[in-house]
N, C-alpha and C. Protein backbone atom coordinates (compact mmCIF):
# COMPACT_ATOMS: atom_id res chain seq x y z
N MET A 1 84.28 230.21 115.81
CA MET A 1 83.58 231.37 116.34
C MET A 1 82.40 230.90 117.19
N ALA A 2 82.28 231.44 118.36
CA ALA A 2 81.21 231.05 119.29
C ALA A 2 79.87 231.55 118.78
N ARG A 3 78.87 230.73 118.99
CA ARG A 3 77.52 231.13 118.59
C ARG A 3 76.90 231.98 119.69
N PRO A 4 76.03 232.89 119.32
CA PRO A 4 75.41 233.74 120.33
C PRO A 4 74.36 232.97 121.12
N TYR A 5 74.09 233.47 122.31
CA TYR A 5 73.02 232.89 123.11
C TYR A 5 71.68 233.42 122.66
N HIS A 6 71.62 234.68 122.31
CA HIS A 6 70.35 235.38 122.11
C HIS A 6 69.45 234.68 121.10
N HIS A 7 68.26 234.46 121.53
CA HIS A 7 67.25 233.81 120.71
C HIS A 7 65.92 234.30 121.27
N GLY A 8 64.96 234.56 120.43
CA GLY A 8 63.68 235.11 120.88
C GLY A 8 63.09 234.41 122.08
N ASP A 9 62.80 233.14 121.96
CA ASP A 9 62.27 232.35 123.06
C ASP A 9 62.91 230.97 122.95
N LEU A 10 64.11 230.88 123.44
CA LEU A 10 64.89 229.66 123.26
C LEU A 10 64.24 228.46 123.94
N ARG A 11 63.66 228.65 125.11
CA ARG A 11 63.03 227.51 125.79
C ARG A 11 61.95 226.89 124.92
N ALA A 12 61.06 227.72 124.38
CA ALA A 12 59.99 227.22 123.51
C ALA A 12 60.56 226.60 122.24
N ALA A 13 61.58 227.23 121.67
CA ALA A 13 62.18 226.72 120.45
C ALA A 13 62.84 225.36 120.70
N LEU A 14 63.52 225.22 121.83
CA LEU A 14 64.13 223.94 122.17
C LEU A 14 63.08 222.86 122.37
N LEU A 15 62.01 223.21 123.05
CA LEU A 15 60.94 222.25 123.29
C LEU A 15 60.30 221.81 121.98
N ASP A 16 60.02 222.77 121.09
CA ASP A 16 59.45 222.42 119.78
C ASP A 16 60.40 221.55 118.97
N ALA A 17 61.66 221.92 118.96
CA ALA A 17 62.65 221.14 118.20
C ALA A 17 62.79 219.74 118.79
N ALA A 18 62.77 219.64 120.11
CA ALA A 18 62.88 218.34 120.75
C ALA A 18 61.65 217.48 120.46
N LEU A 19 60.47 218.09 120.48
CA LEU A 19 59.25 217.35 120.12
C LEU A 19 59.35 216.78 118.71
N ARG A 20 59.79 217.61 117.79
CA ARG A 20 59.94 217.15 116.40
C ARG A 20 60.98 216.03 116.31
N ALA A 21 62.08 216.19 117.03
CA ALA A 21 63.14 215.18 117.00
C ALA A 21 62.66 213.86 117.59
N VAL A 22 61.94 213.93 118.70
CA VAL A 22 61.42 212.72 119.32
C VAL A 22 60.45 212.03 118.38
N GLU A 23 59.54 212.79 117.78
CA GLU A 23 58.56 212.18 116.89
C GLU A 23 59.20 211.63 115.62
N ALA A 24 60.31 212.21 115.20
CA ALA A 24 60.98 211.74 113.99
C ALA A 24 61.83 210.50 114.24
N GLY A 25 62.46 210.42 115.40
CA GLY A 25 63.38 209.30 115.60
C GLY A 25 63.45 208.75 116.99
N GLY A 26 62.54 209.10 117.84
CA GLY A 26 62.59 208.63 119.22
C GLY A 26 63.47 209.52 120.07
N HIS A 27 63.53 209.22 121.34
CA HIS A 27 64.27 210.08 122.27
C HIS A 27 65.67 209.58 122.59
N ALA A 28 66.01 208.37 122.21
CA ALA A 28 67.29 207.78 122.59
C ALA A 28 68.48 208.58 122.07
N THR A 29 68.34 209.16 120.90
CA THR A 29 69.48 209.87 120.30
C THR A 29 69.36 211.39 120.39
N LEU A 30 68.39 211.87 121.14
CA LEU A 30 68.21 213.31 121.26
C LEU A 30 69.45 213.94 121.89
N SER A 31 69.94 215.00 121.28
CA SER A 31 71.16 215.66 121.75
C SER A 31 70.92 217.15 121.91
N LEU A 32 71.21 217.68 123.11
CA LEU A 32 71.10 219.12 123.34
C LEU A 32 72.05 219.88 122.42
N ARG A 33 73.20 219.33 122.20
CA ARG A 33 74.20 219.96 121.33
C ARG A 33 73.65 220.12 119.91
N GLU A 34 73.05 219.05 119.39
CA GLU A 34 72.50 219.12 118.03
C GLU A 34 71.31 220.07 117.96
N LEU A 35 70.48 220.08 118.99
CA LEU A 35 69.36 221.01 119.01
C LEU A 35 69.86 222.45 119.00
N ALA A 36 70.87 222.73 119.82
CA ALA A 36 71.45 224.08 119.86
C ALA A 36 72.01 224.47 118.50
N GLN A 37 72.73 223.55 117.90
CA GLN A 37 73.30 223.81 116.58
C GLN A 37 72.20 224.10 115.57
N GLY A 38 71.15 223.31 115.59
CA GLY A 38 70.04 223.51 114.67
C GLY A 38 69.32 224.84 114.88
N LEU A 39 69.36 225.35 116.09
CA LEU A 39 68.70 226.62 116.39
C LEU A 39 69.65 227.81 116.28
N GLY A 40 70.91 227.51 115.98
CA GLY A 40 71.87 228.58 115.78
C GLY A 40 72.32 229.27 117.05
N VAL A 41 72.34 228.55 118.16
CA VAL A 41 72.81 229.13 119.42
C VAL A 41 74.00 228.32 119.91
N SER A 42 74.68 228.84 120.91
CA SER A 42 75.84 228.15 121.46
C SER A 42 75.43 226.81 122.08
N HIS A 43 76.39 225.93 122.20
CA HIS A 43 76.11 224.62 122.80
C HIS A 43 75.72 224.73 124.27
N ALA A 44 76.12 225.80 124.92
CA ALA A 44 75.79 225.99 126.33
C ALA A 44 74.42 226.63 126.54
N ALA A 45 73.89 227.27 125.52
CA ALA A 45 72.63 228.01 125.67
C ALA A 45 71.47 227.18 126.19
N PRO A 46 71.27 225.95 125.73
CA PRO A 46 70.12 225.17 126.24
C PRO A 46 70.15 224.95 127.76
N TYR A 47 71.34 224.95 128.33
CA TYR A 47 71.47 224.68 129.76
C TYR A 47 70.96 225.84 130.62
N ARG A 48 70.68 226.96 130.00
CA ARG A 48 70.06 228.06 130.75
C ARG A 48 68.57 227.78 130.99
N HIS A 49 68.03 226.84 130.22
CA HIS A 49 66.60 226.53 130.31
C HIS A 49 66.32 225.11 130.81
N PHE A 50 67.26 224.21 130.55
CA PHE A 50 67.09 222.81 130.96
C PHE A 50 68.41 222.35 131.58
N ALA A 51 68.34 221.81 132.77
CA ALA A 51 69.55 221.41 133.48
C ALA A 51 70.35 220.36 132.71
N ASN A 52 69.63 219.51 132.00
CA ASN A 52 70.28 218.44 131.24
C ASN A 52 69.28 217.85 130.25
N ARG A 53 69.72 216.85 129.55
CA ARG A 53 68.89 216.19 128.53
C ARG A 53 67.63 215.60 129.17
N ASP A 54 67.77 215.00 130.34
CA ASP A 54 66.61 214.40 131.01
C ASP A 54 65.55 215.45 131.34
N ALA A 55 65.99 216.63 131.74
CA ALA A 55 65.03 217.70 132.05
C ALA A 55 64.28 218.13 130.79
N LEU A 56 64.98 218.19 129.67
CA LEU A 56 64.31 218.52 128.41
C LEU A 56 63.33 217.42 128.03
N LEU A 57 63.73 216.17 128.17
CA LEU A 57 62.83 215.06 127.84
C LEU A 57 61.60 215.06 128.75
N ALA A 58 61.77 215.41 130.02
CA ALA A 58 60.62 215.51 130.93
C ALA A 58 59.67 216.60 130.46
N ALA A 59 60.22 217.71 129.98
CA ALA A 59 59.38 218.80 129.45
C ALA A 59 58.66 218.36 128.18
N VAL A 60 59.33 217.57 127.35
CA VAL A 60 58.70 217.04 126.13
C VAL A 60 57.55 216.10 126.52
N ALA A 61 57.79 215.23 127.50
CA ALA A 61 56.73 214.32 127.96
C ALA A 61 55.55 215.11 128.51
N ASN A 62 55.84 216.15 129.26
CA ASN A 62 54.78 216.99 129.81
C ASN A 62 53.97 217.63 128.69
N ALA A 63 54.66 218.13 127.66
CA ALA A 63 53.96 218.70 126.50
C ALA A 63 53.14 217.64 125.79
N GLY A 64 53.64 216.42 125.76
CA GLY A 64 52.89 215.32 125.16
C GLY A 64 51.58 215.08 125.88
N PHE A 65 51.61 215.11 127.21
CA PHE A 65 50.37 214.93 127.97
C PHE A 65 49.39 216.07 127.72
N ALA A 66 49.91 217.28 127.58
CA ALA A 66 49.03 218.40 127.26
C ALA A 66 48.37 218.19 125.90
N ARG A 67 49.13 217.71 124.93
CA ARG A 67 48.56 217.46 123.60
C ARG A 67 47.58 216.30 123.62
N LEU A 68 47.85 215.28 124.41
CA LEU A 68 46.92 214.17 124.55
C LEU A 68 45.61 214.66 125.15
N ALA A 69 45.70 215.48 126.19
CA ALA A 69 44.50 216.03 126.82
C ALA A 69 43.71 216.88 125.83
N GLU A 70 44.40 217.68 125.03
CA GLU A 70 43.74 218.50 124.01
C GLU A 70 43.01 217.61 122.99
N ALA A 71 43.67 216.54 122.54
CA ALA A 71 43.06 215.63 121.56
C ALA A 71 41.82 214.96 122.15
N TRP A 72 41.94 214.52 123.40
CA TRP A 72 40.82 213.87 124.07
C TRP A 72 39.64 214.83 124.19
N LEU A 73 39.92 216.05 124.68
CA LEU A 73 38.86 217.03 124.89
C LEU A 73 38.23 217.47 123.57
N ALA A 74 39.05 217.66 122.55
CA ALA A 74 38.53 218.05 121.23
C ALA A 74 37.61 216.97 120.68
N ALA A 75 38.00 215.71 120.86
CA ALA A 75 37.14 214.62 120.39
C ALA A 75 35.85 214.56 121.19
N TRP A 76 35.95 214.75 122.50
CA TRP A 76 34.77 214.74 123.36
C TRP A 76 33.82 215.86 122.98
N GLN A 77 34.34 217.06 122.81
CA GLN A 77 33.50 218.21 122.50
C GLN A 77 33.04 218.25 121.05
N GLY A 78 33.85 217.72 120.16
CA GLY A 78 33.54 217.82 118.74
C GLY A 78 32.85 216.62 118.16
N SER A 79 32.43 215.71 118.99
CA SER A 79 31.84 214.47 118.47
C SER A 79 30.34 214.56 118.29
N GLY A 80 29.85 215.73 118.16
CA GLY A 80 28.42 215.88 117.92
C GLY A 80 27.83 216.89 118.87
N PRO A 81 26.55 217.12 118.74
CA PRO A 81 25.91 218.09 119.62
C PRO A 81 25.99 217.65 121.08
N LYS A 82 25.98 218.62 121.94
CA LYS A 82 26.05 218.33 123.37
C LYS A 82 24.92 217.39 123.81
N ALA A 83 23.84 217.39 123.05
CA ALA A 83 22.72 216.53 123.39
C ALA A 83 22.99 215.07 123.01
N ALA A 84 24.04 214.82 122.21
CA ALA A 84 24.36 213.44 121.83
C ALA A 84 24.64 212.64 123.09
N ALA A 85 24.38 211.35 123.01
CA ALA A 85 24.56 210.48 124.17
C ALA A 85 26.00 210.57 124.67
N PRO A 86 26.20 210.87 125.95
CA PRO A 86 27.55 210.97 126.50
C PRO A 86 28.38 209.70 126.27
N ALA A 87 27.73 208.54 126.32
CA ALA A 87 28.47 207.29 126.10
C ALA A 87 29.04 207.23 124.68
N ALA A 88 28.28 207.72 123.71
CA ALA A 88 28.77 207.74 122.33
C ALA A 88 29.92 208.73 122.18
N ARG A 89 29.79 209.87 122.85
CA ARG A 89 30.86 210.87 122.80
C ARG A 89 32.12 210.34 123.48
N LEU A 90 31.95 209.57 124.54
CA LEU A 90 33.09 208.99 125.24
C LEU A 90 33.83 207.99 124.34
N ARG A 91 33.09 207.25 123.53
CA ARG A 91 33.72 206.30 122.59
C ARG A 91 34.56 207.06 121.56
N VAL A 92 34.07 208.18 121.09
CA VAL A 92 34.83 208.99 120.13
C VAL A 92 36.12 209.48 120.79
N ALA A 93 36.01 209.93 122.03
CA ALA A 93 37.19 210.40 122.75
C ALA A 93 38.17 209.25 122.99
N ALA A 94 37.66 208.08 123.29
CA ALA A 94 38.52 206.92 123.49
C ALA A 94 39.28 206.58 122.21
N ARG A 95 38.63 206.68 121.08
CA ARG A 95 39.31 206.47 119.80
C ARG A 95 40.42 207.50 119.61
N ALA A 96 40.20 208.71 120.11
CA ALA A 96 41.24 209.76 120.00
C ALA A 96 42.48 209.37 120.80
N TYR A 97 42.29 208.73 121.93
CA TYR A 97 43.43 208.27 122.73
C TYR A 97 44.25 207.26 121.93
N ILE A 98 43.57 206.28 121.35
CA ILE A 98 44.25 205.26 120.54
C ILE A 98 44.90 205.93 119.33
N GLY A 99 44.19 206.86 118.71
CA GLY A 99 44.74 207.57 117.56
C GLY A 99 45.99 208.35 117.90
N PHE A 100 45.99 209.02 119.04
CA PHE A 100 47.17 209.77 119.48
C PHE A 100 48.36 208.82 119.61
N ALA A 101 48.14 207.69 120.25
CA ALA A 101 49.22 206.73 120.47
C ALA A 101 49.77 206.19 119.15
N THR A 102 48.89 205.87 118.22
CA THR A 102 49.35 205.26 116.98
C THR A 102 49.91 206.29 115.99
N GLU A 103 49.47 207.53 116.10
CA GLU A 103 49.99 208.57 115.21
C GLU A 103 51.28 209.19 115.73
N ARG A 104 51.53 209.09 117.03
CA ARG A 104 52.72 209.69 117.65
C ARG A 104 53.39 208.67 118.57
N PRO A 105 53.79 207.53 118.02
CA PRO A 105 54.27 206.44 118.88
C PRO A 105 55.51 206.78 119.70
N ALA A 106 56.46 207.49 119.13
CA ALA A 106 57.68 207.80 119.88
C ALA A 106 57.39 208.74 121.05
N LEU A 107 56.54 209.72 120.82
CA LEU A 107 56.15 210.64 121.89
C LEU A 107 55.36 209.89 122.96
N PHE A 108 54.44 209.04 122.53
CA PHE A 108 53.62 208.26 123.46
C PHE A 108 54.50 207.38 124.35
N ARG A 109 55.49 206.73 123.76
CA ARG A 109 56.41 205.90 124.54
C ARG A 109 57.14 206.74 125.58
N LEU A 110 57.66 207.89 125.15
CA LEU A 110 58.39 208.77 126.07
C LEU A 110 57.50 209.22 127.23
N MET A 111 56.25 209.53 126.94
CA MET A 111 55.33 210.03 127.97
C MET A 111 55.15 209.04 129.13
N PHE A 112 55.28 207.76 128.82
CA PHE A 112 55.02 206.75 129.85
C PHE A 112 56.29 206.06 130.34
N GLN A 113 57.42 206.72 130.14
CA GLN A 113 58.69 206.23 130.70
C GLN A 113 59.11 207.21 131.79
N GLY A 114 59.67 206.70 132.84
CA GLY A 114 60.16 207.57 133.91
C GLY A 114 59.03 208.13 134.75
N PRO A 115 59.38 209.07 135.62
CA PRO A 115 58.37 209.66 136.50
C PRO A 115 57.32 210.43 135.71
N ALA A 116 56.11 210.39 136.20
CA ALA A 116 55.02 211.11 135.52
C ALA A 116 55.19 212.61 135.72
N PRO A 117 55.17 213.37 134.63
CA PRO A 117 55.26 214.82 134.76
C PRO A 117 53.92 215.39 135.24
N PRO A 118 53.90 216.66 135.67
CA PRO A 118 52.65 217.27 136.15
C PRO A 118 51.51 217.19 135.12
N GLY A 119 51.85 217.26 133.85
CA GLY A 119 50.81 217.20 132.81
C GLY A 119 50.06 215.89 132.79
N ALA A 120 50.66 214.83 133.32
CA ALA A 120 49.98 213.53 133.35
C ALA A 120 48.76 213.58 134.25
N GLU A 121 48.89 214.26 135.38
CA GLU A 121 47.76 214.37 136.30
C GLU A 121 46.64 215.21 135.69
N ALA A 122 47.01 216.27 135.00
CA ALA A 122 46.00 217.11 134.36
C ALA A 122 45.27 216.34 133.27
N ALA A 123 46.03 215.55 132.50
CA ALA A 123 45.41 214.75 131.44
C ALA A 123 44.45 213.73 132.04
N PHE A 124 44.86 213.09 133.13
CA PHE A 124 43.99 212.13 133.79
C PHE A 124 42.73 212.80 134.33
N ALA A 125 42.88 214.00 134.87
CA ALA A 125 41.71 214.72 135.40
C ALA A 125 40.71 215.00 134.28
N GLY A 126 41.20 215.34 133.10
CA GLY A 126 40.31 215.56 131.96
C GLY A 126 39.61 214.29 131.55
N LEU A 127 40.34 213.19 131.56
CA LEU A 127 39.75 211.89 131.25
C LEU A 127 38.66 211.55 132.25
N GLN A 128 38.96 211.76 133.52
CA GLN A 128 37.99 211.45 134.57
C GLN A 128 36.75 212.34 134.46
N ALA A 129 36.94 213.58 134.09
CA ALA A 129 35.80 214.50 133.95
C ALA A 129 34.86 214.04 132.84
N THR A 130 35.41 213.54 131.74
CA THR A 130 34.55 213.07 130.65
C THR A 130 33.82 211.79 131.05
N VAL A 131 34.49 210.93 131.81
CA VAL A 131 33.82 209.72 132.29
C VAL A 131 32.69 210.11 133.24
N ALA A 132 32.93 211.07 134.11
CA ALA A 132 31.90 211.53 135.03
C ALA A 132 30.71 212.10 134.26
N ALA A 133 30.98 212.85 133.19
CA ALA A 133 29.89 213.41 132.38
C ALA A 133 29.11 212.32 131.67
N ALA A 134 29.78 211.21 131.34
CA ALA A 134 29.11 210.10 130.67
C ALA A 134 28.33 209.22 131.66
N LEU A 135 28.58 209.41 132.96
CA LEU A 135 27.90 208.63 133.99
C LEU A 135 27.22 209.58 134.98
N PRO A 136 26.25 210.37 134.51
CA PRO A 136 25.62 211.34 135.41
C PRO A 136 25.02 210.67 136.64
N GLY A 137 25.28 211.27 137.77
CA GLY A 137 24.74 210.75 139.02
C GLY A 137 25.54 209.62 139.63
N ALA A 138 26.59 209.15 138.96
CA ALA A 138 27.38 208.05 139.52
C ALA A 138 28.21 208.55 140.70
N ALA A 139 28.40 207.69 141.65
CA ALA A 139 29.23 208.02 142.82
C ALA A 139 30.67 208.23 142.38
N GLU A 140 31.39 209.05 143.13
CA GLU A 140 32.78 209.35 142.80
C GLU A 140 33.62 208.08 142.69
N ALA A 141 33.41 207.14 143.58
CA ALA A 141 34.18 205.89 143.55
C ALA A 141 33.93 205.12 142.25
N VAL A 142 32.69 205.14 141.77
CA VAL A 142 32.35 204.46 140.52
C VAL A 142 33.05 205.15 139.36
N VAL A 143 33.01 206.47 139.34
CA VAL A 143 33.66 207.22 138.27
C VAL A 143 35.16 206.93 138.26
N LYS A 144 35.78 206.96 139.42
CA LYS A 144 37.22 206.70 139.50
C LYS A 144 37.54 205.29 139.02
N ALA A 145 36.77 204.31 139.45
CA ALA A 145 37.01 202.92 139.05
C ALA A 145 36.83 202.76 137.54
N ARG A 146 35.77 203.34 136.99
CA ARG A 146 35.53 203.22 135.54
C ARG A 146 36.62 203.93 134.75
N THR A 147 37.10 205.05 135.28
CA THR A 147 38.16 205.79 134.59
C THR A 147 39.44 204.96 134.54
N ILE A 148 39.82 204.38 135.64
CA ILE A 148 41.03 203.56 135.67
C ILE A 148 40.85 202.34 134.77
N ALA A 149 39.71 201.70 134.82
CA ALA A 149 39.46 200.52 133.98
C ALA A 149 39.52 200.89 132.50
N MET A 150 38.88 202.00 132.15
CA MET A 150 38.88 202.43 130.75
C MET A 150 40.29 202.78 130.30
N TRP A 151 40.99 203.57 131.12
CA TRP A 151 42.35 203.98 130.76
C TRP A 151 43.25 202.75 130.62
N SER A 152 43.11 201.81 131.53
CA SER A 152 43.93 200.60 131.47
C SER A 152 43.69 199.84 130.17
N ALA A 153 42.44 199.69 129.79
CA ALA A 153 42.12 198.98 128.56
C ALA A 153 42.64 199.73 127.33
N LEU A 154 42.40 201.03 127.29
CA LEU A 154 42.85 201.81 126.13
C LEU A 154 44.37 201.85 126.04
N HIS A 155 45.00 202.12 127.18
CA HIS A 155 46.46 202.21 127.17
C HIS A 155 47.09 200.85 126.85
N GLY A 156 46.57 199.82 127.45
CA GLY A 156 47.10 198.47 127.19
C GLY A 156 46.97 198.11 125.73
N PHE A 157 45.82 198.37 125.14
CA PHE A 157 45.62 198.07 123.72
C PHE A 157 46.55 198.90 122.85
N ALA A 158 46.66 200.18 123.15
CA ALA A 158 47.55 201.05 122.38
C ALA A 158 48.98 200.55 122.47
N TRP A 159 49.42 200.21 123.67
CA TRP A 159 50.80 199.76 123.87
C TRP A 159 51.06 198.44 123.14
N LEU A 160 50.11 197.52 123.22
CA LEU A 160 50.27 196.25 122.51
C LEU A 160 50.37 196.49 121.00
N CYS A 161 49.58 197.41 120.48
CA CYS A 161 49.64 197.73 119.05
C CYS A 161 50.99 198.34 118.70
N LEU A 162 51.45 199.31 119.50
CA LEU A 162 52.73 199.97 119.22
C LEU A 162 53.89 199.00 119.24
N GLU A 163 53.86 198.06 120.14
CA GLU A 163 54.95 197.11 120.28
C GLU A 163 54.82 195.91 119.35
N GLY A 164 53.78 195.90 118.52
CA GLY A 164 53.59 194.81 117.57
C GLY A 164 53.27 193.48 118.23
N ARG A 165 52.64 193.55 119.41
CA ARG A 165 52.35 192.33 120.17
C ARG A 165 51.05 191.66 119.76
N ILE A 166 50.21 192.36 119.04
CA ILE A 166 48.98 191.74 118.54
C ILE A 166 49.28 191.25 117.12
N ARG A 167 49.40 189.97 117.00
CA ARG A 167 49.79 189.35 115.73
C ARG A 167 48.54 189.00 114.92
N PRO A 168 48.68 188.95 113.60
CA PRO A 168 47.53 188.60 112.75
C PRO A 168 46.86 187.29 113.15
N ALA A 169 47.66 186.31 113.56
CA ALA A 169 47.08 185.02 113.95
C ALA A 169 46.18 185.16 115.18
N MET A 170 46.48 186.15 116.04
CA MET A 170 45.65 186.37 117.23
C MET A 170 44.28 186.92 116.86
N LEU A 171 44.25 187.71 115.81
CA LEU A 171 43.01 188.34 115.40
C LEU A 171 42.11 187.38 114.63
N GLY A 172 42.72 186.42 113.93
CA GLY A 172 41.94 185.51 113.10
C GLY A 172 41.19 186.30 112.05
N PRO A 173 39.90 186.06 111.92
CA PRO A 173 39.13 186.79 110.91
C PRO A 173 38.69 188.19 111.36
N LEU A 174 39.04 188.56 112.58
CA LEU A 174 38.60 189.85 113.14
C LEU A 174 39.47 190.97 112.58
N PRO A 175 38.89 191.92 111.82
CA PRO A 175 39.69 193.05 111.32
C PRO A 175 40.10 193.97 112.47
N PRO A 176 41.22 194.69 112.33
CA PRO A 176 41.70 195.57 113.40
C PRO A 176 40.64 196.56 113.90
N ALA A 177 39.83 197.09 113.01
CA ALA A 177 38.79 198.04 113.44
C ALA A 177 37.78 197.37 114.37
N ALA A 178 37.45 196.13 114.08
CA ALA A 178 36.52 195.38 114.94
C ALA A 178 37.17 195.07 116.28
N MET A 179 38.49 194.83 116.27
CA MET A 179 39.20 194.59 117.53
C MET A 179 39.15 195.83 118.40
N LEU A 180 39.35 197.00 117.79
CA LEU A 180 39.26 198.25 118.55
C LEU A 180 37.87 198.39 119.15
N GLU A 181 36.84 198.10 118.39
CA GLU A 181 35.47 198.20 118.92
C GLU A 181 35.25 197.22 120.07
N ALA A 182 35.84 196.03 119.99
CA ALA A 182 35.73 195.06 121.09
C ALA A 182 36.41 195.59 122.34
N VAL A 183 37.57 196.24 122.17
CA VAL A 183 38.27 196.83 123.32
C VAL A 183 37.40 197.94 123.91
N LEU A 184 36.82 198.78 123.05
CA LEU A 184 35.95 199.85 123.55
C LEU A 184 34.73 199.28 124.26
N ASP A 185 34.15 198.20 123.73
CA ASP A 185 33.02 197.56 124.39
C ASP A 185 33.41 197.09 125.80
N THR A 186 34.60 196.52 125.91
CA THR A 186 35.07 196.03 127.19
C THR A 186 35.32 197.19 128.16
N ALA A 187 35.95 198.23 127.64
CA ALA A 187 36.31 199.37 128.48
C ALA A 187 35.12 200.23 128.85
N LEU A 188 34.18 200.41 127.92
CA LEU A 188 33.11 201.39 128.10
C LEU A 188 31.71 200.78 128.16
N GLY A 189 31.60 199.52 127.82
CA GLY A 189 30.28 198.91 127.69
C GLY A 189 29.88 198.93 126.21
N PRO A 190 28.98 198.05 125.83
CA PRO A 190 28.57 197.98 124.42
C PRO A 190 28.01 199.30 123.93
N ALA A 191 28.24 199.57 122.62
CA ALA A 191 27.70 200.78 121.99
C ALA A 191 26.18 200.70 122.01
N GLU A 192 25.60 201.88 122.17
CA GLU A 192 24.12 201.92 122.21
C GLU A 192 23.56 201.99 120.82
């Protein structure tokens, strides 16, 4: 018996189910057919919203960037009173970036594979805005350069951690938390 197409908001339901599937097991085995079955709709129904599996994965990556931007902004805004030193607030936000990557590794990997979705630019704009706020009066070129340098350091460190490339022998007596602080010092300047 054929399953019905009708579903309240199938696009959103597919996206949510795909996000959960990616976070549970990565994106390599994601199947539109299995998602449709899990949502109780026909196997053809997802194709009314996503041309193919790659289109769904691009939407998942885009949603990932939106969530990363939300985490960054929440950390920036929630890290103390607005009067707190912007540099200290920026460090809290930078930790949120690393936290997002380590808490959602499969989603993070997907976000940085393939072409950048529109949400990537919005997430970067939010990152750049917080750097600009932490460097009042800095020239635009300085803000852009610091943003790229900071993002490169944070992303590189997160990726190395996710891929298990930082080995215990590399750290020596340095605990992982101290290594993170060293990366933040390099990316943002020493803590005040």
